[in-house]
Every structure is written in structure tokens, then in C-alpha cells.
């Protein structure tokens, strides 16, 4: 999971980010060939920890 605006696209201006469709609240999730239940559990767990 990454935040493109501050990682892979950090060199772009706010205008260029908007043109590229990369918003400040966008999070990119890359998953493998896992069960959907495992993926959803991982996301739920991460969101719970980030809310603390």
C-alpha cells in the first residue's frame, strides 16, 4: 500500500497531480492472488490500526 502523491509522484506539482488523476487522498493497493477474505481482513486491520 502506498500514497502516490508523496512517493511515486512526489516530484509533480499540484496541477500535474490533478491532471494525472492522483488526488491527495489516493492510496494505491497492490495485492497478489490471495483469497478475498484475506485481503479484506488485511485492509480492515490496517484501517483499525491507522485510526488509533
N, C-alpha and C. Protein backbone atom coordinates (compact mmCIF):
# COMPACT_ATOMS: atom_id res chain seq x y z
N UNK A 1 0.85 -1.15 0.00
CA UNK A 1 0.00 0.00 0.00
C UNK A 1 0.91 1.23 0.00
N UNK A 2 0.64 2.17 -0.91
CA UNK A 2 1.45 3.39 -0.94
C UNK A 2 0.55 4.61 -1.14
N UNK A 3 1.12 5.76 -0.85
CA UNK A 3 0.47 7.05 -1.06
C UNK A 3 1.20 7.72 -2.23
N UNK A 4 0.66 7.58 -3.47
CA UNK A 4 1.37 8.06 -4.66
C UNK A 4 1.77 9.54 -4.63
N UNK A 5 0.92 10.40 -4.07
CA UNK A 5 1.23 11.83 -4.08
C UNK A 5 2.50 12.16 -3.32
N UNK A 6 2.85 11.35 -2.32
CA UNK A 6 4.07 11.62 -1.56
C UNK A 6 5.19 10.61 -1.82
N UNK A 7 4.96 9.68 -2.75
CA UNK A 7 6.01 8.71 -3.06
C UNK A 7 6.32 8.71 -4.55
N UNK A 8 5.63 7.91 -5.33
CA UNK A 8 5.96 7.74 -6.75
C UNK A 8 5.71 8.98 -7.60
N UNK A 9 4.85 9.90 -7.14
CA UNK A 9 4.53 11.10 -7.91
C UNK A 9 4.92 12.39 -7.18
N UNK A 10 5.78 12.29 -6.19
CA UNK A 10 6.09 13.45 -5.34
C UNK A 10 6.74 14.60 -6.10
N UNK A 11 7.35 14.32 -7.24
CA UNK A 11 8.04 15.38 -7.99
C UNK A 11 7.06 16.26 -8.78
N UNK A 12 5.78 15.86 -8.86
CA UNK A 12 4.81 16.61 -9.64
C UNK A 12 4.21 17.76 -8.84
N UNK A 13 3.84 18.81 -9.55
CA UNK A 13 3.15 19.93 -8.90
C UNK A 13 1.71 19.51 -8.62
N UNK A 14 1.01 20.31 -7.83
CA UNK A 14 -0.39 20.02 -7.51
C UNK A 14 -1.22 19.96 -8.80
N UNK A 15 -0.92 20.84 -9.73
CA UNK A 15 -1.63 20.86 -11.02
C UNK A 15 -1.37 19.58 -11.81
N UNK A 16 -0.11 19.15 -11.85
CA UNK A 16 0.24 17.93 -12.58
C UNK A 16 -0.36 16.69 -11.92
N UNK A 17 -0.40 16.68 -10.58
CA UNK A 17 -1.03 15.56 -9.87
C UNK A 17 -2.50 15.46 -10.27
N UNK A 18 -3.17 16.61 -10.31
CA UNK A 18 -4.59 16.62 -10.68
C UNK A 18 -4.78 16.11 -12.11
N UNK A 19 -3.92 16.57 -13.02
CA UNK A 19 -4.00 16.11 -14.42
C UNK A 19 -3.79 14.60 -14.52
N UNK A 20 -2.94 14.06 -13.66
CA UNK A 20 -2.63 12.64 -13.67
C UNK A 20 -3.69 11.81 -12.94
N UNK A 21 -4.63 12.50 -12.30
CA UNK A 21 -5.67 11.79 -11.56
C UNK A 21 -5.21 11.26 -10.22
N UNK A 22 -4.16 11.87 -9.69
CA UNK A 22 -3.62 11.46 -8.39
C UNK A 22 -4.03 12.49 -7.35
N UNK A 23 -5.02 12.13 -6.55
CA UNK A 23 -5.50 13.04 -5.52
C UNK A 23 -4.71 12.90 -4.23
N UNK A 24 -4.82 13.90 -3.35
CA UNK A 24 -4.07 13.87 -2.09
C UNK A 24 -4.54 12.77 -1.14
N UNK A 25 -5.74 12.25 -1.37
CA UNK A 25 -6.26 11.20 -0.50
C UNK A 25 -6.22 9.82 -1.15
N UNK A 26 -5.55 9.72 -2.31
CA UNK A 26 -5.47 8.43 -3.01
C UNK A 26 -4.45 7.51 -2.35
N UNK A 27 -4.86 6.27 -2.16
CA UNK A 27 -3.97 5.22 -1.67
C UNK A 27 -3.99 4.11 -2.71
N UNK A 28 -2.83 3.62 -3.10
CA UNK A 28 -2.74 2.54 -4.08
C UNK A 28 -2.52 1.24 -3.33
N UNK A 29 -3.37 0.27 -3.64
CA UNK A 29 -3.27 -1.04 -3.02
C UNK A 29 -2.91 -2.06 -4.09
N UNK A 30 -1.86 -2.79 -3.86
CA UNK A 30 -1.43 -3.83 -4.78
C UNK A 30 -1.52 -5.17 -4.05
N UNK A 31 -2.27 -6.09 -4.60
CA UNK A 31 -2.46 -7.38 -3.94
C UNK A 31 -2.09 -8.51 -4.89
N UNK A 32 -1.83 -9.64 -4.30
CA UNK A 32 -1.49 -10.82 -5.07
C UNK A 32 -2.70 -11.71 -5.27
N UNK A 33 -2.46 -12.98 -5.37
CA UNK A 33 -3.51 -13.96 -5.64
C UNK A 33 -4.03 -14.56 -4.33
N UNK A 34 -4.39 -13.70 -3.43
CA UNK A 34 -4.90 -14.14 -2.14
C UNK A 34 -6.42 -14.28 -2.18
N UNK A 35 -6.93 -14.94 -1.21
CA UNK A 35 -8.38 -15.04 -1.04
C UNK A 35 -8.93 -13.65 -0.73
N UNK A 36 -10.09 -13.33 -1.25
CA UNK A 36 -10.71 -12.02 -0.99
C UNK A 36 -10.93 -11.80 0.50
N UNK A 37 -11.23 -12.86 1.23
CA UNK A 37 -11.41 -12.74 2.68
C UNK A 37 -10.12 -12.30 3.36
N UNK A 38 -8.98 -12.84 2.91
CA UNK A 38 -7.69 -12.44 3.47
C UNK A 38 -7.37 -10.99 3.15
N UNK A 39 -7.65 -10.58 1.94
CA UNK A 39 -7.39 -9.20 1.53
C UNK A 39 -8.24 -8.23 2.35
N UNK A 40 -9.53 -8.52 2.47
CA UNK A 40 -10.42 -7.65 3.24
C UNK A 40 -10.02 -7.60 4.70
N UNK A 41 -9.60 -8.73 5.26
CA UNK A 41 -9.15 -8.75 6.65
C UNK A 41 -7.92 -7.87 6.81
N UNK A 42 -6.96 -7.96 5.88
CA UNK A 42 -5.76 -7.14 5.95
C UNK A 42 -6.09 -5.65 5.90
N UNK A 43 -7.00 -5.27 5.02
CA UNK A 43 -7.39 -3.86 4.90
C UNK A 43 -8.09 -3.39 6.17
N UNK A 44 -9.02 -4.19 6.67
CA UNK A 44 -9.75 -3.82 7.89
C UNK A 44 -8.79 -3.64 9.06
N UNK A 45 -7.87 -4.56 9.21
CA UNK A 45 -6.88 -4.47 10.28
C UNK A 45 -6.02 -3.21 10.15
N UNK A 46 -5.58 -2.90 8.94
CA UNK A 46 -4.75 -1.71 8.72
C UNK A 46 -5.53 -0.43 9.02
N UNK A 47 -6.79 -0.38 8.61
CA UNK A 47 -7.60 0.81 8.86
C UNK A 47 -7.85 1.00 10.36
N UNK A 48 -8.10 -0.09 11.07
CA UNK A 48 -8.32 0.00 12.51
C UNK A 48 -7.06 0.54 13.21
N UNK A 49 -5.89 0.04 12.81
CA UNK A 49 -4.65 0.49 13.44
C UNK A 49 -4.35 1.95 13.09
N UNK A 50 -4.69 2.36 11.87
CA UNK A 50 -4.39 3.75 11.48
C UNK A 50 -5.32 4.75 12.15
N UNK A 51 -6.46 4.30 12.65
CA UNK A 51 -7.43 5.19 13.30
C UNK A 51 -7.07 5.46 14.76
N UNK A 52 -6.09 4.77 15.29
CA UNK A 52 -5.72 4.93 16.71
C UNK A 52 -4.93 6.16 16.95
